[in-house]
mmCIF file of all heavy atoms, coordinates in Angstrom:
data_MODEL
# 
_entry.id   MODEL 
# 
loop_
_atom_site.group_PDB 
_atom_site.id 
_atom_site.type_symbol 
_atom_site.label_atom_id 
_atom_site.label_alt_id 
_atom_site.label_comp_id 
_atom_site.label_asym_id 
_atom_site.label_entity_id 
_atom_site.label_seq_id 
_atom_site.pdbx_PDB_ins_code 
_atom_site.Cartn_x 
_atom_site.Cartn_y 
_atom_site.Cartn_z 
_atom_site.occupancy 
_atom_site.B_iso_or_equiv 
_atom_site.pdbx_formal_charge 
_atom_site.auth_seq_id 
_atom_site.auth_comp_id 
_atom_site.auth_asym_id 
_atom_site.auth_atom_id 
_atom_site.pdbx_PDB_model_num 
ATOM 1   N N   . LEU A 1 1  ? 118.223 72.728 88.166  1.00 0.00 ? 1  LEU A N   1 
ATOM 2   C CA  . LEU A 1 1  ? 117.404 71.790 88.924  1.00 0.00 ? 1  LEU A CA  1 
ATOM 3   C C   . LEU A 1 1  ? 118.109 70.443 89.041  1.00 0.00 ? 1  LEU A C   1 
ATOM 4   O O   . LEU A 1 1  ? 118.811 70.016 88.133  1.00 0.00 ? 1  LEU A O   1 
ATOM 5   C CB  . LEU A 1 1  ? 116.042 71.588 88.235  1.00 0.00 ? 1  LEU A CB  1 
ATOM 6   C CG  . LEU A 1 1  ? 115.155 72.828 88.062  1.00 0.00 ? 1  LEU A CG  1 
ATOM 7   C CD1 . LEU A 1 1  ? 113.878 72.452 87.322  1.00 0.00 ? 1  LEU A CD1 1 
ATOM 8   C CD2 . LEU A 1 1  ? 114.835 73.460 89.405  1.00 0.00 ? 1  LEU A CD2 1 
ATOM 9   N N   . THR A 1 2  ? 117.869 69.787 90.168  1.00 0.00 ? 2  THR A N   1 
ATOM 10  C CA  . THR A 1 2  ? 118.368 68.422 90.320  1.00 0.00 ? 2  THR A CA  1 
ATOM 11  C C   . THR A 1 2  ? 117.463 67.493 89.510  1.00 0.00 ? 2  THR A C   1 
ATOM 12  O O   . THR A 1 2  ? 116.395 67.880 89.024  1.00 0.00 ? 2  THR A O   1 
ATOM 13  C CB  . THR A 1 2  ? 118.347 67.998 91.794  1.00 0.00 ? 2  THR A CB  1 
ATOM 14  O OG1 . THR A 1 2  ? 116.988 67.944 92.249  1.00 0.00 ? 2  THR A OG1 1 
ATOM 15  C CG2 . THR A 1 2  ? 119.123 68.988 92.655  1.00 0.00 ? 2  THR A CG2 1 
ATOM 16  N N   . THR A 1 3  ? 117.889 66.247 89.393  1.00 0.00 ? 3  THR A N   1 
ATOM 17  C CA  . THR A 1 3  ? 117.089 65.270 88.648  1.00 0.00 ? 3  THR A CA  1 
ATOM 18  C C   . THR A 1 3  ? 115.698 65.098 89.267  1.00 0.00 ? 3  THR A C   1 
ATOM 19  O O   . THR A 1 3  ? 114.684 65.043 88.564  1.00 0.00 ? 3  THR A O   1 
ATOM 20  C CB  . THR A 1 3  ? 117.801 63.909 88.619  1.00 0.00 ? 3  THR A CB  1 
ATOM 21  O OG1 . THR A 1 3  ? 119.094 64.062 88.022  1.00 0.00 ? 3  THR A OG1 1 
ATOM 22  C CG2 . THR A 1 3  ? 116.998 62.883 87.828  1.00 0.00 ? 3  THR A CG2 1 
ATOM 23  N N   . GLN A 1 4  ? 115.660 65.055 90.597  1.00 0.00 ? 4  GLN A N   1 
ATOM 24  C CA  . GLN A 1 4  ? 114.377 64.895 91.282  1.00 0.00 ? 4  GLN A CA  1 
ATOM 25  C C   . GLN A 1 4  ? 113.492 66.127 91.087  1.00 0.00 ? 4  GLN A C   1 
ATOM 26  O O   . GLN A 1 4  ? 112.280 65.998 90.855  1.00 0.00 ? 4  GLN A O   1 
ATOM 27  C CB  . GLN A 1 4  ? 114.610 64.659 92.780  1.00 0.00 ? 4  GLN A CB  1 
ATOM 28  C CG  . GLN A 1 4  ? 115.154 63.273 93.106  1.00 0.00 ? 4  GLN A CG  1 
ATOM 29  C CD  . GLN A 1 4  ? 115.251 63.058 94.591  1.00 0.00 ? 4  GLN A CD  1 
ATOM 30  O OE1 . GLN A 1 4  ? 115.611 63.955 95.345  1.00 0.00 ? 4  GLN A OE1 1 
ATOM 31  N NE2 . GLN A 1 4  ? 114.938 61.841 95.037  1.00 0.00 ? 4  GLN A NE2 1 
ATOM 32  N N   . GLU A 1 5  ? 114.099 67.303 91.178  1.00 0.00 ? 5  GLU A N   1 
ATOM 33  C CA  . GLU A 1 5  ? 113.327 68.534 91.000  1.00 0.00 ? 5  GLU A CA  1 
ATOM 34  C C   . GLU A 1 5  ? 112.774 68.634 89.591  1.00 0.00 ? 5  GLU A C   1 
ATOM 35  O O   . GLU A 1 5  ? 111.629 69.041 89.378  1.00 0.00 ? 5  GLU A O   1 
ATOM 36  C CB  . GLU A 1 5  ? 114.203 69.749 91.331  1.00 0.00 ? 5  GLU A CB  1 
ATOM 37  C CG  . GLU A 1 5  ? 114.543 69.875 92.804  1.00 0.00 ? 5  GLU A CG  1 
ATOM 38  C CD  . GLU A 1 5  ? 115.642 70.885 93.077  1.00 0.00 ? 5  GLU A CD  1 
ATOM 39  O OE1 . GLU A 1 5  ? 116.288 71.350 92.093  1.00 0.00 ? 5  GLU A OE1 1 
ATOM 40  O OE2 . GLU A 1 5  ? 115.874 71.211 94.253  1.00 0.00 ? 5  GLU A OE2 1 
ATOM 41  N N   . GLN A 1 6  ? 113.576 68.253 88.605  1.00 0.00 ? 6  GLN A N   1 
ATOM 42  C CA  . GLN A 1 6  ? 113.120 68.289 87.220  1.00 0.00 ? 6  GLN A CA  1 
ATOM 43  C C   . GLN A 1 6  ? 111.970 67.297 87.010  1.00 0.00 ? 6  GLN A C   1 
ATOM 44  O O   . GLN A 1 6  ? 111.026 67.578 86.262  1.00 0.00 ? 6  GLN A O   1 
ATOM 45  C CB  . GLN A 1 6  ? 114.278 67.958 86.275  1.00 0.00 ? 6  GLN A CB  1 
ATOM 46  C CG  . GLN A 1 6  ? 113.924 68.109 84.797  1.00 0.00 ? 6  GLN A CG  1 
ATOM 47  C CD  . GLN A 1 6  ? 113.539 69.543 84.438  1.00 0.00 ? 6  GLN A CD  1 
ATOM 48  O OE1 . GLN A 1 6  ? 114.318 70.465 84.652  1.00 0.00 ? 6  GLN A OE1 1 
ATOM 49  N NE2 . GLN A 1 6  ? 112.345 69.719 83.887  1.00 0.00 ? 6  GLN A NE2 1 
ATOM 50  N N   . HIS A 1 7  ? 112.047 66.169 87.699  1.00 0.00 ? 7  HIS A N   1 
ATOM 51  C CA  . HIS A 1 7  ? 110.973 65.176 87.593  1.00 0.00 ? 7  HIS A CA  1 
ATOM 52  C C   . HIS A 1 7  ? 109.663 65.755 88.144  1.00 0.00 ? 7  HIS A C   1 
ATOM 53  O O   . HIS A 1 7  ? 108.588 65.544 87.555  1.00 0.00 ? 7  HIS A O   1 
ATOM 54  C CB  . HIS A 1 7  ? 111.357 63.917 88.359  1.00 0.00 ? 7  HIS A CB  1 
ATOM 55  C CG  . HIS A 1 7  ? 110.276 62.880 88.399  1.00 0.00 ? 7  HIS A CG  1 
ATOM 56  N ND1 . HIS A 1 7  ? 109.731 62.306 87.268  1.00 0.00 ? 7  HIS A ND1 1 
ATOM 57  C CD2 . HIS A 1 7  ? 109.607 62.326 89.463  1.00 0.00 ? 7  HIS A CD2 1 
ATOM 58  C CE1 . HIS A 1 7  ? 108.789 61.456 87.611  1.00 0.00 ? 7  HIS A CE1 1 
ATOM 59  N NE2 . HIS A 1 7  ? 108.696 61.446 88.932  1.00 0.00 ? 7  HIS A NE2 1 
ATOM 60  N N   . ILE A 1 8  ? 109.754 66.469 89.250  1.00 0.00 ? 8  ILE A N   1 
ATOM 61  C CA  . ILE A 1 8  ? 108.552 67.089 89.829  1.00 0.00 ? 8  ILE A CA  1 
ATOM 62  C C   . ILE A 1 8  ? 107.972 68.121 88.869  1.00 0.00 ? 8  ILE A C   1 
ATOM 63  O O   . ILE A 1 8  ? 106.757 68.186 88.658  1.00 0.00 ? 8  ILE A O   1 
ATOM 64  C CB  . ILE A 1 8  ? 108.881 67.748 91.189  1.00 0.00 ? 8  ILE A CB  1 
ATOM 65  C CG1 . ILE A 1 8  ? 109.324 66.703 92.205  1.00 0.00 ? 8  ILE A CG1 1 
ATOM 66  C CG2 . ILE A 1 8  ? 107.660 68.514 91.720  1.00 0.00 ? 8  ILE A CG2 1 
ATOM 67  C CD1 . ILE A 1 8  ? 109.864 67.290 93.491  1.00 0.00 ? 8  ILE A CD1 1 
ATOM 68  N N   . VAL A 1 9  ? 108.848 68.940 88.273  1.00 0.00 ? 9  VAL A N   1 
ATOM 69  C CA  . VAL A 1 9  ? 108.403 69.956 87.321  1.00 0.00 ? 9  VAL A CA  1 
ATOM 70  C C   . VAL A 1 9  ? 107.689 69.301 86.145  1.00 0.00 ? 9  VAL A C   1 
ATOM 71  O O   . VAL A 1 9  ? 106.593 69.730 85.746  1.00 0.00 ? 9  VAL A O   1 
ATOM 72  C CB  . VAL A 1 9  ? 109.598 70.803 86.821  1.00 0.00 ? 9  VAL A CB  1 
ATOM 73  C CG1 . VAL A 1 9  ? 109.205 71.609 85.585  1.00 0.00 ? 9  VAL A CG1 1 
ATOM 74  C CG2 . VAL A 1 9  ? 110.073 71.740 87.923  1.00 0.00 ? 9  VAL A CG2 1 
ATOM 75  N N   . ASP A 1 10 ? 108.290 68.267 85.587  1.00 0.00 ? 10 ASP A N   1 
ATOM 76  C CA  . ASP A 1 10 ? 107.679 67.575 84.452  1.00 0.00 ? 10 ASP A CA  1 
ATOM 77  C C   . ASP A 1 10 ? 106.320 66.998 84.830  1.00 0.00 ? 10 ASP A C   1 
ATOM 78  O O   . ASP A 1 10 ? 105.364 67.041 84.039  1.00 0.00 ? 10 ASP A O   1 
ATOM 79  C CB  . ASP A 1 10 ? 108.599 66.457 83.969  1.00 0.00 ? 10 ASP A CB  1 
ATOM 80  C CG  . ASP A 1 10 ? 109.889 66.989 83.360  1.00 0.00 ? 10 ASP A CG  1 
ATOM 81  O OD1 . ASP A 1 10 ? 109.900 68.174 82.957  1.00 0.00 ? 10 ASP A OD1 1 
ATOM 82  O OD2 . ASP A 1 10 ? 110.878 66.225 83.295  1.00 0.00 ? 10 ASP A OD2 1 
ATOM 83  N N   . PHE A 1 11 ? 106.242 66.467 86.040  1.00 0.00 ? 11 PHE A N   1 
ATOM 84  C CA  . PHE A 1 11 ? 104.991 65.882 86.510  1.00 0.00 ? 11 PHE A CA  1 
ATOM 85  C C   . PHE A 1 11 ? 103.904 66.949 86.637  1.00 0.00 ? 11 PHE A C   1 
ATOM 86  O O   . PHE A 1 11 ? 102.751 66.742 86.235  1.00 0.00 ? 11 PHE A O   1 
ATOM 87  C CB  . PHE A 1 11 ? 105.224 65.194 87.857  1.00 0.00 ? 11 PHE A CB  1 
ATOM 88  C CG  . PHE A 1 11 ? 104.040 64.418 88.366  1.00 0.00 ? 11 PHE A CG  1 
ATOM 89  C CD1 . PHE A 1 11 ? 103.786 63.139 87.908  1.00 0.00 ? 11 PHE A CD1 1 
ATOM 90  C CD2 . PHE A 1 11 ? 103.181 64.975 89.301  1.00 0.00 ? 11 PHE A CD2 1 
ATOM 91  C CE1 . PHE A 1 11 ? 102.695 62.418 88.371  1.00 0.00 ? 11 PHE A CE1 1 
ATOM 92  C CE2 . PHE A 1 11 ? 102.092 64.260 89.767  1.00 0.00 ? 11 PHE A CE2 1 
ATOM 93  C CZ  . PHE A 1 11 ? 101.841 62.978 89.304  1.00 0.00 ? 11 PHE A CZ  1 
ATOM 94  N N   . ILE A 1 12 ? 104.275 68.115 87.169  1.00 0.00 ? 12 ILE A N   1 
ATOM 95  C CA  . ILE A 1 12 ? 103.305 69.207 87.340  1.00 0.00 ? 12 ILE A CA  1 
ATOM 96  C C   . ILE A 1 12 ? 102.849 69.739 85.986  1.00 0.00 ? 12 ILE A C   1 
ATOM 97  O O   . ILE A 1 12 ? 101.668 70.006 85.773  1.00 0.00 ? 12 ILE A O   1 
ATOM 98  C CB  . ILE A 1 12 ? 103.916 70.342 88.182  1.00 0.00 ? 12 ILE A CB  1 
ATOM 99  C CG1 . ILE A 1 12 ? 104.120 69.880 89.627  1.00 0.00 ? 12 ILE A CG1 1 
ATOM 100 C CG2 . ILE A 1 12 ? 103.019 71.582 88.156  1.00 0.00 ? 12 ILE A CG2 1 
ATOM 101 C CD1 . ILE A 1 12 ? 104.863 70.872 90.490  1.00 0.00 ? 12 ILE A CD1 1 
ATOM 102 N N   . LEU A 1 13 ? 103.800 69.881 85.064  1.00 0.00 ? 13 LEU A N   1 
ATOM 103 C CA  . LEU A 1 13 ? 103.439 70.395 83.745  1.00 0.00 ? 13 LEU A CA  1 
ATOM 104 C C   . LEU A 1 13 ? 102.461 69.474 83.019  1.00 0.00 ? 13 LEU A C   1 
ATOM 105 O O   . LEU A 1 13 ? 101.635 69.924 82.225  1.00 0.00 ? 13 LEU A O   1 
ATOM 106 C CB  . LEU A 1 13 ? 104.702 70.597 82.896  1.00 0.00 ? 13 LEU A CB  1 
ATOM 107 C CG  . LEU A 1 13 ? 105.616 71.747 83.329  1.00 0.00 ? 13 LEU A CG  1 
ATOM 108 C CD1 . LEU A 1 13 ? 106.897 71.757 82.506  1.00 0.00 ? 13 LEU A CD1 1 
ATOM 109 C CD2 . LEU A 1 13 ? 104.908 73.091 83.201  1.00 0.00 ? 13 LEU A CD2 1 
ATOM 110 N N   . GLN A 1 14 ? 102.561 68.183 83.283  1.00 0.00 ? 14 GLN A N   1 
ATOM 111 C CA  . GLN A 1 14 ? 101.655 67.229 82.659  1.00 0.00 ? 14 GLN A CA  1 
ATOM 112 C C   . GLN A 1 14 ? 100.357 67.051 83.454  1.00 0.00 ? 14 GLN A C   1 
ATOM 113 O O   . GLN A 1 14 ? 99.355  66.584 82.917  1.00 0.00 ? 14 GLN A O   1 
ATOM 114 C CB  . GLN A 1 14 ? 102.345 65.869 82.511  1.00 0.00 ? 14 GLN A CB  1 
ATOM 115 C CG  . GLN A 1 14 ? 103.506 65.862 81.535  1.00 0.00 ? 14 GLN A CG  1 
ATOM 116 C CD  . GLN A 1 14 ? 103.072 66.202 80.111  1.00 0.00 ? 14 GLN A CD  1 
ATOM 117 O OE1 . GLN A 1 14 ? 101.997 65.802 79.674  1.00 0.00 ? 14 GLN A OE1 1 
ATOM 118 N NE2 . GLN A 1 14 ? 103.900 66.962 79.401  1.00 0.00 ? 14 GLN A NE2 1 
ATOM 119 N N   . ASN A 1 15 ? 100.395 67.425 84.735  1.00 0.00 ? 15 ASN A N   1 
ATOM 120 C CA  . ASN A 1 15 ? 99.235  67.238 85.613  1.00 0.00 ? 15 ASN A CA  1 
ATOM 121 C C   . ASN A 1 15 ? 98.996  68.501 86.448  1.00 0.00 ? 15 ASN A C   1 
ATOM 122 O O   . ASN A 1 15 ? 99.191  68.498 87.667  1.00 0.00 ? 15 ASN A O   1 
ATOM 123 C CB  . ASN A 1 15 ? 99.467  66.045 86.555  1.00 0.00 ? 15 ASN A CB  1 
ATOM 124 C CG  . ASN A 1 15 ? 99.800  64.771 85.818  1.00 0.00 ? 15 ASN A CG  1 
ATOM 125 O OD1 . ASN A 1 15 ? 98.919  64.035 85.430  1.00 0.00 ? 15 ASN A OD1 1 
ATOM 126 N ND2 . ASN A 1 15 ? 101.097 64.518 85.624  1.00 0.00 ? 15 ASN A ND2 1 
ATOM 127 N N   . PRO A 1 16 ? 98.598  69.604 85.851  1.00 0.00 ? 16 PRO A N   1 
ATOM 128 C CA  . PRO A 1 16 ? 98.494  70.876 86.574  1.00 0.00 ? 16 PRO A CA  1 
ATOM 129 C C   . PRO A 1 16 ? 97.555  70.856 87.770  1.00 0.00 ? 16 PRO A C   1 
ATOM 130 O O   . PRO A 1 16 ? 97.859  71.433 88.813  1.00 0.00 ? 16 PRO A O   1 
ATOM 131 C CB  . PRO A 1 16 ? 97.992  71.847 85.501  1.00 0.00 ? 16 PRO A CB  1 
ATOM 132 C CG  . PRO A 1 16 ? 97.393  70.992 84.452  1.00 0.00 ? 16 PRO A CG  1 
ATOM 133 C CD  . PRO A 1 16 ? 98.200  69.732 84.441  1.00 0.00 ? 16 PRO A CD  1 
ATOM 134 N N   . SER A 1 17 ? 96.422  70.164 87.649  1.00 0.00 ? 17 SER A N   1 
ATOM 135 C CA  . SER A 1 17 ? 95.437  70.167 88.734  1.00 0.00 ? 17 SER A CA  1 
ATOM 136 C C   . SER A 1 17 ? 95.947  69.445 89.971  1.00 0.00 ? 17 SER A C   1 
ATOM 137 O O   . SER A 1 17 ? 95.400  69.611 91.062  1.00 0.00 ? 17 SER A O   1 
ATOM 138 C CB  . SER A 1 17 ? 94.121  69.542 88.268  1.00 0.00 ? 17 SER A CB  1 
ATOM 139 O OG  . SER A 1 17 ? 94.323  68.191 87.910  1.00 0.00 ? 17 SER A OG  1 
ATOM 140 N N   . ILE A 1 18 ? 96.991  68.644 89.830  1.00 0.00 ? 18 ILE A N   1 
ATOM 141 C CA  . ILE A 1 18 ? 97.521  67.882 90.951  1.00 0.00 ? 18 ILE A CA  1 
ATOM 142 C C   . ILE A 1 18 ? 98.041  68.811 92.050  1.00 0.00 ? 18 ILE A C   1 
ATOM 143 O O   . ILE A 1 18 ? 98.026  68.481 93.237  1.00 0.00 ? 18 ILE A O   1 
ATOM 144 C CB  . ILE A 1 18 ? 98.647  66.927 90.464  1.00 0.00 ? 18 ILE A CB  1 
ATOM 145 C CG1 . ILE A 1 18 ? 98.673  65.651 91.310  1.00 0.00 ? 18 ILE A CG1 1 
ATOM 146 C CG2 . ILE A 1 18 ? 100.002 67.589 90.476  1.00 0.00 ? 18 ILE A CG2 1 
ATOM 147 C CD1 . ILE A 1 18 ? 97.555  64.699 90.996  1.00 0.00 ? 18 ILE A CD1 1 
ATOM 148 N N   . VAL A 1 19 ? 98.491  69.995 91.669  1.00 0.00 ? 19 VAL A N   1 
ATOM 149 C CA  . VAL A 1 19 ? 99.029  70.962 92.638  1.00 0.00 ? 19 VAL A CA  1 
ATOM 150 C C   . VAL A 1 19 ? 97.933  71.457 93.570  1.00 0.00 ? 19 VAL A C   1 
ATOM 151 O O   . VAL A 1 19 ? 98.172  71.707 94.755  1.00 0.00 ? 19 VAL A O   1 
ATOM 152 C CB  . VAL A 1 19 ? 99.679  72.155 91.898  1.00 0.00 ? 19 VAL A CB  1 
ATOM 153 C CG1 . VAL A 1 19 ? 100.085 73.251 92.875  1.00 0.00 ? 19 VAL A CG1 1 
ATOM 154 C CG2 . VAL A 1 19 ? 100.887 71.679 91.105  1.00 0.00 ? 19 VAL A CG2 1 
ATOM 155 N N   . PHE A 1 20 ? 96.708  71.610 93.054  1.00 0.00 ? 20 PHE A N   1 
ATOM 156 C CA  . PHE A 1 20 ? 95.634  72.208 93.834  1.00 0.00 ? 20 PHE A CA  1 
ATOM 157 C C   . PHE A 1 20 ? 94.916  71.197 94.726  1.00 0.00 ? 20 PHE A C   1 
ATOM 158 O O   . PHE A 1 20 ? 94.167  71.584 95.620  1.00 0.00 ? 20 PHE A O   1 
ATOM 159 C CB  . PHE A 1 20 ? 94.603  72.864 92.902  1.00 0.00 ? 20 PHE A CB  1 
ATOM 160 C CG  . PHE A 1 20 ? 95.227  73.714 91.837  1.00 0.00 ? 20 PHE A CG  1 
ATOM 161 C CD1 . PHE A 1 20 ? 94.848  73.586 90.516  1.00 0.00 ? 20 PHE A CD1 1 
ATOM 162 C CD2 . PHE A 1 20 ? 96.215  74.636 92.148  1.00 0.00 ? 20 PHE A CD2 1 
ATOM 163 C CE1 . PHE A 1 20 ? 95.429  74.364 89.530  1.00 0.00 ? 20 PHE A CE1 1 
ATOM 164 C CE2 . PHE A 1 20 ? 96.804  75.412 91.179  1.00 0.00 ? 20 PHE A CE2 1 
ATOM 165 C CZ  . PHE A 1 20 ? 96.414  75.275 89.861  1.00 0.00 ? 20 PHE A CZ  1 
ATOM 166 N N   . THR A 1 21 ? 95.139  69.919 94.492  1.00 0.00 ? 21 THR A N   1 
ATOM 167 C CA  . THR A 1 21 ? 94.401  68.888 95.229  1.00 0.00 ? 21 THR A CA  1 
ATOM 168 C C   . THR A 1 21 ? 95.288  68.026 96.118  1.00 0.00 ? 21 THR A C   1 
ATOM 169 O O   . THR A 1 21 ? 94.797  67.097 96.746  1.00 0.00 ? 21 THR A O   1 
ATOM 170 C CB  . THR A 1 21 ? 93.640  67.965 94.242  1.00 0.00 ? 21 THR A CB  1 
ATOM 171 O OG1 . THR A 1 21 ? 94.566  67.399 93.307  1.00 0.00 ? 21 THR A OG1 1 
ATOM 172 C CG2 . THR A 1 21 ? 92.572  68.746 93.486  1.00 0.00 ? 21 THR A CG2 1 
ATOM 173 N N   . ASN A 1 22 ? 96.582  68.359 96.171  1.00 0.00 ? 22 ASN A N   1 
ATOM 174 C CA  . ASN A 1 22 ? 97.501  67.551 96.974  1.00 0.00 ? 22 ASN A CA  1 
ATOM 175 C C   . ASN A 1 22 ? 98.447  68.427 97.780  1.00 0.00 ? 22 ASN A C   1 
ATOM 176 O O   . ASN A 1 22 ? 98.843  69.507 97.334  1.00 0.00 ? 22 ASN A O   1 
ATOM 177 C CB  . ASN A 1 22 ? 98.332  66.619 96.078  1.00 0.00 ? 22 ASN A CB  1 
ATOM 178 C CG  . ASN A 1 22 ? 97.509  65.483 95.499  1.00 0.00 ? 22 ASN A CG  1 
ATOM 179 O OD1 . ASN A 1 22 ? 97.325  64.442 96.121  1.00 0.00 ? 22 ASN A OD1 1 
ATOM 180 N ND2 . ASN A 1 22 ? 96.989  65.688 94.293  1.00 0.00 ? 22 ASN A ND2 1 
ATOM 181 N N   . SER A 1 23 ? 98.791  67.949 98.948  1.00 0.00 ? 23 SER A N   1 
ATOM 182 C CA  . SER A 1 23 ? 99.763  68.640 99.790  1.00 0.00 ? 23 SER A CA  1 
ATOM 183 C C   . SER A 1 23 ? 101.167 68.374 99.265  1.00 0.00 ? 23 SER A C   1 
ATOM 184 O O   . SER A 1 23 ? 101.369 67.558 98.342  1.00 0.00 ? 23 SER A O   1 
ATOM 185 C CB  . SER A 1 23 ? 99.650  68.133 101.230 1.00 0.00 ? 23 SER A CB  1 
ATOM 186 O OG  . SER A 1 23 ? 100.017 66.760 101.295 1.00 0.00 ? 23 SER A OG  1 
ATOM 187 N N   . ALA A 1 24 ? 102.157 69.035 99.854  1.00 0.00 ? 24 ALA A N   1 
ATOM 188 C CA  . ALA A 1 24 ? 103.550 68.811 99.457  1.00 0.00 ? 24 ALA A CA  1 
ATOM 189 C C   . ALA A 1 24 ? 103.944 67.356 99.700  1.00 0.00 ? 24 ALA A C   1 
ATOM 190 O O   . ALA A 1 24 ? 104.650 66.745 98.889  1.00 0.00 ? 24 ALA A O   1 
ATOM 191 C CB  . ALA A 1 24 ? 104.468 69.753 100.236 1.00 0.00 ? 24 ALA A CB  1 
ATOM 192 N N   . GLN A 1 25 ? 103.483 66.785 100.806 1.00 0.00 ? 25 GLN A N   1 
ATOM 193 C CA  . GLN A 1 25 ? 103.805 65.391 101.111 1.00 0.00 ? 25 GLN A CA  1 
ATOM 194 C C   . GLN A 1 25 ? 103.167 64.454 100.094 1.00 0.00 ? 25 GLN A C   1 
ATOM 195 O O   . GLN A 1 25 ? 103.808 63.488 99.636  1.00 0.00 ? 25 GLN A O   1 
ATOM 196 C CB  . GLN A 1 25 ? 103.313 65.041 102.514 1.00 0.00 ? 25 GLN A CB  1 
ATOM 197 C CG  . GLN A 1 25 ? 103.676 63.626 102.948 1.00 0.00 ? 25 GLN A CG  1 
ATOM 198 C CD  . GLN A 1 25 ? 103.316 63.358 104.401 1.00 0.00 ? 25 GLN A CD  1 
ATOM 199 O OE1 . GLN A 1 25 ? 102.805 64.218 105.086 1.00 0.00 ? 25 GLN A OE1 1 
ATOM 200 N NE2 . GLN A 1 25 ? 103.597 62.155 104.869 1.00 0.00 ? 25 GLN A NE2 1 
ATOM 201 N N   . GLN A 1 26 ? 101.926 64.728 99.719  1.00 0.00 ? 26 GLN A N   1 
ATOM 202 C CA  . GLN A 1 26 ? 101.246 63.879 98.739  1.00 0.00 ? 26 GLN A CA  1 
ATOM 203 C C   . GLN A 1 26 ? 101.889 63.984 97.360  1.00 0.00 ? 26 GLN A C   1 
ATOM 204 O O   . GLN A 1 26 ? 102.030 62.992 96.647  1.00 0.00 ? 26 GLN A O   1 
ATOM 205 C CB  . GLN A 1 26 ? 99.768  64.263 98.671  1.00 0.00 ? 26 GLN A CB  1 
ATOM 206 C CG  . GLN A 1 26 ? 98.985  63.900 99.927  1.00 0.00 ? 26 GLN A CG  1 
ATOM 207 C CD  . GLN A 1 26 ? 97.606  64.535 99.963  1.00 0.00 ? 26 GLN A CD  1 
ATOM 208 O OE1 . GLN A 1 26 ? 97.401  65.643 99.464  1.00 0.00 ? 26 GLN A OE1 1 
ATOM 209 N NE2 . GLN A 1 26 ? 96.651  63.832 100.554 1.00 0.00 ? 26 GLN A NE2 1 
ATOM 210 N N   . LEU A 1 27 ? 102.293 65.214 96.983  1.00 0.00 ? 27 LEU A N   1 
ATOM 211 C CA  . LEU A 1 27 ? 102.972 65.395 95.703  1.00 0.00 ? 27 LEU A CA  1 
ATOM 212 C C   . LEU A 1 27 ? 104.300 64.654 95.692  1.00 0.00 ? 27 LEU A C   1 
ATOM 213 O O   . LEU A 1 27 ? 104.692 64.060 94.677  1.00 0.00 ? 27 LEU A O   1 
ATOM 214 C CB  . LEU A 1 27 ? 103.185 66.887 95.422  1.00 0.00 ? 27 LEU A CB  1 
ATOM 215 C CG  . LEU A 1 27 ? 103.877 67.238 94.098  1.00 0.00 ? 27 LEU A CG  1 
ATOM 216 C CD1 . LEU A 1 27 ? 103.081 66.698 92.908  1.00 0.00 ? 27 LEU A CD1 1 
ATOM 217 C CD2 . LEU A 1 27 ? 104.067 68.752 93.976  1.00 0.00 ? 27 LEU A CD2 1 
ATOM 218 N N   . ALA A 1 28 ? 104.981 64.693 96.832  1.00 0.00 ? 28 ALA A N   1 
ATOM 219 C CA  . ALA A 1 28 ? 106.253 63.967 96.939  1.00 0.00 ? 28 ALA A CA  1 
ATOM 220 C C   . ALA A 1 28 ? 106.035 62.465 96.751  1.00 0.00 ? 28 ALA A C   1 
ATOM 221 O O   . ALA A 1 28 ? 106.828 61.791 96.085  1.00 0.00 ? 28 ALA A O   1 
ATOM 222 C CB  . ALA A 1 28 ? 106.891 64.245 98.294  1.00 0.00 ? 28 ALA A CB  1 
ATOM 223 N N   . GLN A 1 29 ? 104.965 61.937 97.325  1.00 0.00 ? 29 GLN A N   1 
ATOM 224 C CA  . GLN A 1 29 ? 104.674 60.510 97.174  1.00 0.00 ? 29 GLN A CA  1 
ATOM 225 C C   . GLN A 1 29 ? 104.353 60.163 95.725  1.00 0.00 ? 29 GLN A C   1 
ATOM 226 O O   . GLN A 1 29 ? 104.783 59.129 95.212  1.00 0.00 ? 29 GLN A O   1 
ATOM 227 C CB  . GLN A 1 29 ? 103.498 60.131 98.074  1.00 0.00 ? 29 GLN A CB  1 
ATOM 228 C CG  . GLN A 1 29 ? 103.824 60.184 99.563  1.00 0.00 ? 29 GLN A CG  1 
ATOM 229 C CD  . GLN A 1 29 ? 102.604 59.937 100.435 1.00 0.00 ? 29 GLN A CD  1 
ATOM 230 O OE1 . GLN A 1 29 ? 101.466 60.001 99.970  1.00 0.00 ? 29 GLN A OE1 1 
ATOM 231 N NE2 . GLN A 1 29 ? 102.835 59.660 101.712 1.00 0.00 ? 29 GLN A NE2 1 
# 
């Protein structure tokens, strides 16, 4: 994974519900 991709993974692992309530664009923001 790139640094940015790893950051997204870490964010999801700490905030699982964020995946179900946000679009790809919102998650990117």
